[in-house]
Amino acid sequence: MGYSRAPVDAPGAGTVPVLAHVDGRLVDASRPAISIFDAGFQSGDAVWEGLRAYNGTVFRLSQHVRRLADSAQALRIGLPLSREEFGGAVAETLAANGLQNDAHVRLMVTRGTRSTSGMDPRNAPPYGTLVIIAETKPVPERPQPQRLRTASIRRPGPQTLDPGIHHANQLNSIMARLEVQDTGVDAALMLDQDGFVAEADTANLFTVSGGRLRTPLPTACLHGITREIVLQLGRELDIPVCEERLSLFDFYRAEEVFLTGTICELVPVVVVDDRVIGSGQPGPTYERLLAAYRSLVEEETNLVP
């Protein structure tokens, strides 16, 4: 069918960073720099963003910082920098590692170093611990088509933990990936508490059916920035777009399925639960949207052709 198995977040895809930014200092990334009492280490009590740099410029940095700040506000985590200062810290980390392009930046703010072990937020300082990691992670010119399998692990909705909060506790998605990783697929497809499709374990999902671009409502999936961009690009390309509840049946009978995320950009899906999607090849709507997305990236980051 012309595809090979290579997960979106395949192990070993990046290079080891030389220096990491930890609370205003550039430190050897191979040496411990976070306290064993840090709330992020002990409890996953943190917020984070995944960024991608092109030609020395972080794509949609302001949107990512805004989402980080919104998540921190929801969890009452004090940000150690202003929104404007985050950009400088990210740029410093990229420069320290000699990275201009094909760079993945992980920006994290934990609740900080607690005075003692335990989950009580009152034992943490007023401002969190900032960590920035920059690694080389190239985007392939032709993303590898993916196979998905539905996991039994469900994505929580707002009644459990609002997916709008981009928190660092990823056990829900990790458990879904563990369930499917030895079954010959690339990633897990996850349902919400009512049995409707939510997202993949590391990315948002789209389908194309009858010329319409469709994606699950953001009630049990991350409010993805790339997801938002793709919806806007669809409108600009005169493709009817719809956010709605989608069932597995909607995916099985779709003409096209693809993943979206800041790090992976847009990646085609050709098999879901052993059902071949469409022709089993990346579809024309996906190709149009990928080209439009990359054109937007080039425009906003001043890439040299």
Protein backbone atom coordinates (compact mmCIF):
# COMPACT_ATOMS: atom_id res chain seq x y z
CA MET A 1 0.00 0.00 0.00
CA GLY A 2 3.02 2.29 -0.09
CA TYR A 3 3.33 3.16 3.59
CA SER A 4 5.79 2.20 6.27
CA ARG A 5 5.29 2.20 10.01
CA ALA A 6 6.93 5.18 11.72
CA PRO A 7 5.13 6.73 14.70
CA VAL A 8 4.59 10.48 14.71
CA ASP A 9 6.72 10.77 17.83
CA ALA A 10 9.12 7.93 16.99
CA PRO A 11 11.85 7.17 19.55
CA GLY A 12 15.25 8.59 18.66
CA ALA A 13 13.78 11.18 16.29
CA GLY A 14 15.61 14.05 17.99
CA THR A 15 19.17 14.85 18.97
CA VAL A 16 20.25 15.27 22.57
CA PRO A 17 20.28 18.96 23.50
CA VAL A 18 23.52 20.42 24.81
CA LEU A 19 22.07 23.07 27.09
CA ALA A 20 18.68 23.47 28.72
CA HIS A 21 17.16 26.61 30.17
CA VAL A 22 16.22 26.11 33.84
CA ASP A 23 14.95 29.11 35.79
CA GLY A 24 17.04 31.67 33.92
CA ARG A 25 20.22 29.58 33.68
CA LEU A 26 21.59 27.56 30.79
CA VAL A 27 22.66 24.22 32.25
CA ASP A 28 24.16 20.99 30.95
CA ALA A 29 21.12 19.07 29.72
CA SER A 30 22.66 15.75 30.75
CA ARG A 31 22.94 16.71 34.43
CA PRO A 32 20.16 16.98 37.06
CA ALA A 33 18.88 20.53 37.44
CA ILE A 34 15.43 20.06 38.99
CA SER A 35 14.83 19.40 42.67
CA ILE A 36 13.47 16.01 43.70
CA PHE A 37 10.79 18.04 45.52
CA ASP A 38 9.66 19.79 42.32
CA ALA A 39 5.89 19.46 41.83
CA GLY A 40 6.32 18.59 38.17
CA PHE A 41 8.64 15.70 39.01
CA GLN A 42 6.58 14.43 41.92
CA SER A 43 3.07 14.88 40.56
CA GLY A 44 3.12 16.00 36.93
CA ASP A 45 1.82 19.28 38.36
CA ALA A 46 2.85 21.51 35.47
CA VAL A 47 1.81 23.11 32.19
CA TRP A 48 3.70 22.89 28.93
CA GLU A 49 3.84 23.75 25.25
CA GLY A 50 5.46 22.05 22.27
CA LEU A 51 6.91 24.60 19.83
CA ARG A 52 8.51 24.29 16.41
CA ALA A 53 11.18 26.65 15.10
CA TYR A 54 11.68 27.31 11.40
CA ASN A 55 14.66 29.35 10.23
CA GLY A 56 15.25 30.68 13.73
CA THR A 57 11.64 31.75 14.25
CA VAL A 58 9.14 29.93 16.47
CA PHE A 59 5.88 29.46 14.59
CA ARG A 60 2.87 31.00 16.37
CA LEU A 61 4.86 31.64 19.54
CA SER A 62 2.37 34.18 20.90
CA GLN A 63 -0.50 31.68 20.62
CA HIS A 64 1.49 29.02 22.44
CA VAL A 65 2.47 31.40 25.22
CA ARG A 66 -1.15 32.52 25.54
CA ARG A 67 -2.28 28.90 25.90
CA LEU A 68 0.47 28.28 28.46
CA ALA A 69 -0.67 31.32 30.45
CA ASP A 70 -4.32 30.26 30.25
CA SER A 71 -3.46 26.76 31.50
CA ALA A 72 -1.32 28.19 34.31
CA GLN A 73 -4.18 30.50 35.28
CA ALA A 74 -6.57 27.56 35.47
CA LEU A 75 -4.17 25.62 37.73
CA ARG A 76 -3.11 28.70 39.74
CA ILE A 77 0.54 28.22 38.79
CA GLY A 78 2.50 31.47 38.92
CA LEU A 79 4.46 32.11 35.72
CA PRO A 80 8.06 33.20 36.44
CA LEU A 81 8.25 35.38 33.30
CA SER A 82 6.00 37.80 31.48
CA ARG A 83 4.50 36.66 28.19
CA GLU A 84 7.01 38.82 26.35
CA GLU A 85 9.99 37.38 28.25
CA PHE A 86 9.18 33.81 27.25
CA GLY A 87 10.14 34.60 23.67
CA GLY A 88 13.59 35.77 24.73
CA ALA A 89 14.17 32.67 26.87
CA VAL A 90 13.18 30.38 23.99
CA ALA A 91 15.43 32.26 21.56
CA GLU A 92 18.34 32.05 24.02
CA THR A 93 17.89 28.29 24.35
CA LEU A 94 17.76 27.76 20.59
CA ALA A 95 20.89 29.89 20.10
CA ALA A 96 22.78 28.09 22.88
CA ASN A 97 22.19 24.80 21.08
CA GLY A 98 22.99 26.19 17.63
CA LEU A 99 19.48 25.49 16.36
CA GLN A 100 17.77 27.50 13.65
CA ASN A 101 15.56 25.05 11.79
CA ASP A 102 13.93 21.64 12.30
CA ALA A 103 13.85 22.41 16.02
CA HIS A 104 11.37 21.15 18.59
CA VAL A 105 11.16 23.23 21.76
CA ARG A 106 9.46 21.96 24.90
CA LEU A 107 8.47 24.83 27.20
CA MET A 108 7.40 23.78 30.70
CA VAL A 109 6.41 25.53 33.91
CA THR A 110 5.93 23.35 36.99
CA ARG A 111 4.30 24.50 40.21
CA GLY A 112 7.80 24.76 41.64
CA THR A 113 9.89 23.16 44.35
CA ARG A 114 7.75 22.13 47.32
CA SER A 115 8.93 22.49 50.88
CA THR A 116 8.08 18.82 51.46
CA SER A 117 6.80 15.82 49.54
CA GLY A 118 3.05 15.68 48.95
CA MET A 119 0.47 17.13 46.63
CA ASP A 120 -0.63 20.15 48.70
CA PRO A 121 -0.22 23.24 46.42
CA ARG A 122 0.30 25.41 49.51
CA ASN A 123 3.74 23.83 49.94
CA ALA A 124 4.89 25.27 46.61
CA PRO A 125 6.36 28.74 45.98
CA PRO A 126 4.37 31.56 44.37
CA TYR A 127 6.17 31.17 41.04
CA GLY A 128 6.84 27.97 39.15
CA THR A 129 9.99 26.37 37.77
CA LEU A 130 10.69 27.14 34.10
CA VAL A 131 12.36 24.54 31.88
CA ILE A 132 13.04 24.92 28.15
CA ILE A 133 14.46 22.07 26.07
CA ALA A 134 15.46 22.48 22.41
CA GLU A 135 16.10 19.47 20.16
CA THR A 136 16.54 18.77 16.46
CA LYS A 137 13.46 17.03 15.06
CA PRO A 138 13.17 17.37 11.27
CA VAL A 139 9.78 17.22 9.56
CA PRO A 140 9.87 14.77 6.65
CA GLU A 141 9.02 16.23 3.26
CA ARG A 142 6.52 13.40 2.84
CA PRO A 143 5.06 12.43 6.24
CA GLN A 144 4.77 8.69 6.76
CA PRO A 145 1.12 7.54 6.58
CA GLN A 146 -0.07 6.14 9.89
CA ARG A 147 -2.14 3.23 11.17
CA LEU A 148 -4.36 3.77 14.21
CA ARG A 149 -6.12 1.39 16.58
CA THR A 150 -8.84 2.36 19.03
CA ALA A 151 -7.80 2.03 22.66
CA SER A 152 -10.13 1.18 25.53
CA ILE A 153 -8.65 4.05 27.56
CA ARG A 154 -11.01 7.03 27.29
CA ARG A 155 -10.13 10.71 27.10
CA PRO A 156 -11.56 12.70 30.03
CA GLY A 157 -14.01 15.50 29.42
CA PRO A 158 -14.65 18.73 31.32
CA GLN A 159 -16.53 16.79 34.02
CA THR A 160 -13.21 15.10 34.93
CA LEU A 161 -10.33 17.29 33.76
CA ASP A 162 -10.93 19.98 31.17
CA PRO A 163 -8.90 19.20 28.02
CA GLY A 164 -8.43 22.91 27.50
CA ILE A 165 -5.80 22.79 30.26
CA HIS A 166 -2.51 21.79 28.65
CA HIS A 167 -1.15 20.03 31.73
CA ALA A 168 1.90 17.79 31.99
CA ASN A 169 0.22 14.65 33.32
CA GLN A 170 0.09 12.53 30.16
CA LEU A 171 -0.61 9.13 31.74
CA ASN A 172 -4.02 8.92 30.07
CA SER A 173 -2.45 9.07 26.59
CA ILE A 174 0.53 6.96 27.60
CA MET A 175 -1.76 4.17 28.80
CA ALA A 176 -3.60 4.27 25.48
CA ARG A 177 -0.32 4.04 23.56
CA LEU A 178 0.85 1.14 25.76
CA GLU A 179 -2.33 -0.72 24.94
CA VAL A 180 -1.81 -0.58 21.16
CA GLN A 181 1.93 -0.26 20.67
CA ASP A 182 2.55 -4.00 20.21
CA THR A 183 -0.33 -4.52 17.76
CA GLY A 184 1.41 -3.37 14.58
CA VAL A 185 0.03 0.17 14.56
CA ASP A 186 1.57 3.61 15.00
CA ALA A 187 -0.69 5.32 17.52
CA ALA A 188 -3.89 5.03 19.53
CA LEU A 189 -7.24 6.51 18.60
CA MET A 190 -9.07 7.60 21.74
CA LEU A 191 -12.79 7.97 22.43
CA ASP A 192 -14.52 10.27 24.88
CA GLN A 193 -16.64 9.12 27.81
CA ASP A 194 -19.71 8.78 25.53
CA GLY A 195 -17.96 6.69 22.89
CA PHE A 196 -17.38 9.43 20.32
CA VAL A 197 -13.94 9.98 18.80
CA ALA A 198 -11.83 12.49 20.75
CA GLU A 199 -8.31 12.49 19.31
CA ALA A 200 -5.22 10.37 18.79
CA ASP A 201 -2.89 9.87 21.74
CA THR A 202 -0.51 12.64 20.57
CA ALA A 203 -2.46 14.66 18.00
CA ASN A 204 -5.83 15.99 16.88
CA LEU A 205 -7.84 14.17 14.20
CA PHE A 206 -9.65 15.22 11.03
CA THR A 207 -11.75 13.37 8.47
CA VAL A 208 -12.86 14.28 4.96
CA SER A 209 -16.26 12.98 3.88
CA GLY A 210 -18.39 14.17 0.95
CA GLY A 211 -16.07 17.11 0.44
CA ARG A 212 -16.47 18.26 4.06
CA LEU A 213 -13.59 18.71 6.50
CA ARG A 214 -14.73 17.37 9.89
CA THR A 215 -13.10 17.23 13.32
CA PRO A 216 -14.33 16.23 16.79
CA LEU A 217 -15.67 18.91 19.07
CA PRO A 218 -12.99 20.09 21.53
CA THR A 219 -14.87 18.69 24.52
CA ALA A 220 -12.43 15.81 25.12
CA CYS A 221 -9.44 16.77 23.00
CA LEU A 222 -6.68 19.31 23.21
CA HIS A 223 -7.59 22.74 21.86
CA GLY A 224 -4.83 22.35 19.28
CA ILE A 225 -3.24 25.37 17.65
CA THR A 226 -2.53 23.42 14.44
CA ARG A 227 -6.12 22.16 14.58
CA GLU A 228 -7.32 25.76 14.70
CA ILE A 229 -5.06 26.73 11.79
CA VAL A 230 -6.28 23.82 9.64
CA LEU A 231 -9.92 24.80 10.24
CA GLN A 232 -9.11 28.35 9.13
CA LEU A 233 -7.18 27.13 6.07
CA GLY A 234 -10.14 24.95 5.12
CA ARG A 235 -12.41 27.99 5.14
CA GLU A 236 -9.92 29.98 3.05
CA LEU A 237 -9.76 27.12 0.53
CA ASP A 238 -13.58 27.02 0.34
CA ILE A 239 -13.71 23.60 1.95
CA PRO A 240 -16.82 23.23 4.15
CA VAL A 241 -15.62 22.70 7.73
CA CYS A 242 -17.47 21.27 10.68
CA GLU A 243 -16.73 20.64 14.35
CA GLU A 244 -19.09 17.92 15.53
CA ARG A 245 -19.46 14.66 17.38
CA LEU A 246 -17.95 11.92 15.24
CA SER A 247 -18.27 8.18 15.79
CA LEU A 248 -15.89 5.42 14.76
CA PHE A 249 -18.29 4.71 11.89
CA ASP A 250 -17.63 8.24 10.60
CA PHE A 251 -13.92 7.43 10.54
CA TYR A 252 -14.28 3.96 9.02
CA ARG A 253 -16.27 5.33 6.07
CA ALA A 254 -14.25 8.54 5.63
CA GLU A 255 -12.55 9.30 2.34
CA GLU A 256 -9.54 10.74 4.19
CA VAL A 257 -8.24 10.88 7.76
CA PHE A 258 -5.26 12.83 9.04
CA LEU A 259 -3.55 13.97 12.23
CA THR A 260 -2.52 17.50 13.16
CA GLY A 261 -0.03 18.85 15.70
CA THR A 262 2.66 21.47 16.08
CA ILE A 263 5.49 18.97 15.99
CA CYS A 264 4.14 16.61 13.31
CA GLU A 265 2.31 19.28 11.23
CA LEU A 266 -0.22 17.25 9.14
CA VAL A 267 0.15 13.46 8.83
CA PRO A 268 -2.11 11.16 6.77
CA VAL A 269 -3.85 8.16 8.33
CA VAL A 270 -4.50 5.23 5.99
CA VAL A 271 -5.75 2.50 8.35
CA VAL A 272 -8.07 2.70 11.36
CA ASP A 273 -8.86 -0.51 13.24
CA ASP A 274 -7.79 -2.61 10.22
CA ARG A 275 -10.12 -0.64 7.91
CA VAL A 276 -8.34 0.93 4.94
CA ILE A 277 -9.28 4.59 4.67
CA GLY A 278 -10.28 5.70 1.17
CA SER A 279 -7.72 4.61 -1.40
CA GLY A 280 -5.16 3.73 1.27
CA GLN A 281 -3.06 6.73 0.20
CA PRO A 282 -2.89 10.39 1.32
CA GLY A 283 -5.94 12.13 -0.14
CA PRO A 284 -6.27 15.30 -2.24
CA THR A 285 -7.80 17.44 0.51
CA TYR A 286 -4.99 16.48 2.87
CA GLU A 287 -2.43 17.39 0.19
CA ARG A 288 -4.04 20.81 -0.35
CA LEU A 289 -4.13 21.55 3.36
CA LEU A 290 -0.54 20.40 3.93
CA ALA A 291 0.66 22.66 1.11
CA ALA A 292 -1.37 25.58 2.48
CA TYR A 293 -0.04 24.98 6.01
CA ARG A 294 3.57 24.92 4.86
CA SER A 295 3.01 28.04 2.76
CA LEU A 296 1.65 29.79 5.87
CA VAL A 297 4.66 28.69 7.90
CA GLU A 298 7.00 30.01 5.21
CA GLU A 299 5.14 33.31 5.09
CA GLU A 300 5.11 33.85 8.84
CA THR A 301 8.66 32.70 9.55
CA ASN A 302 10.31 34.17 6.45
CA LEU A 303 11.75 30.89 5.31
CA VAL A 304 14.22 31.11 2.46
CA PRO A 305 12.92 28.92 -0.44
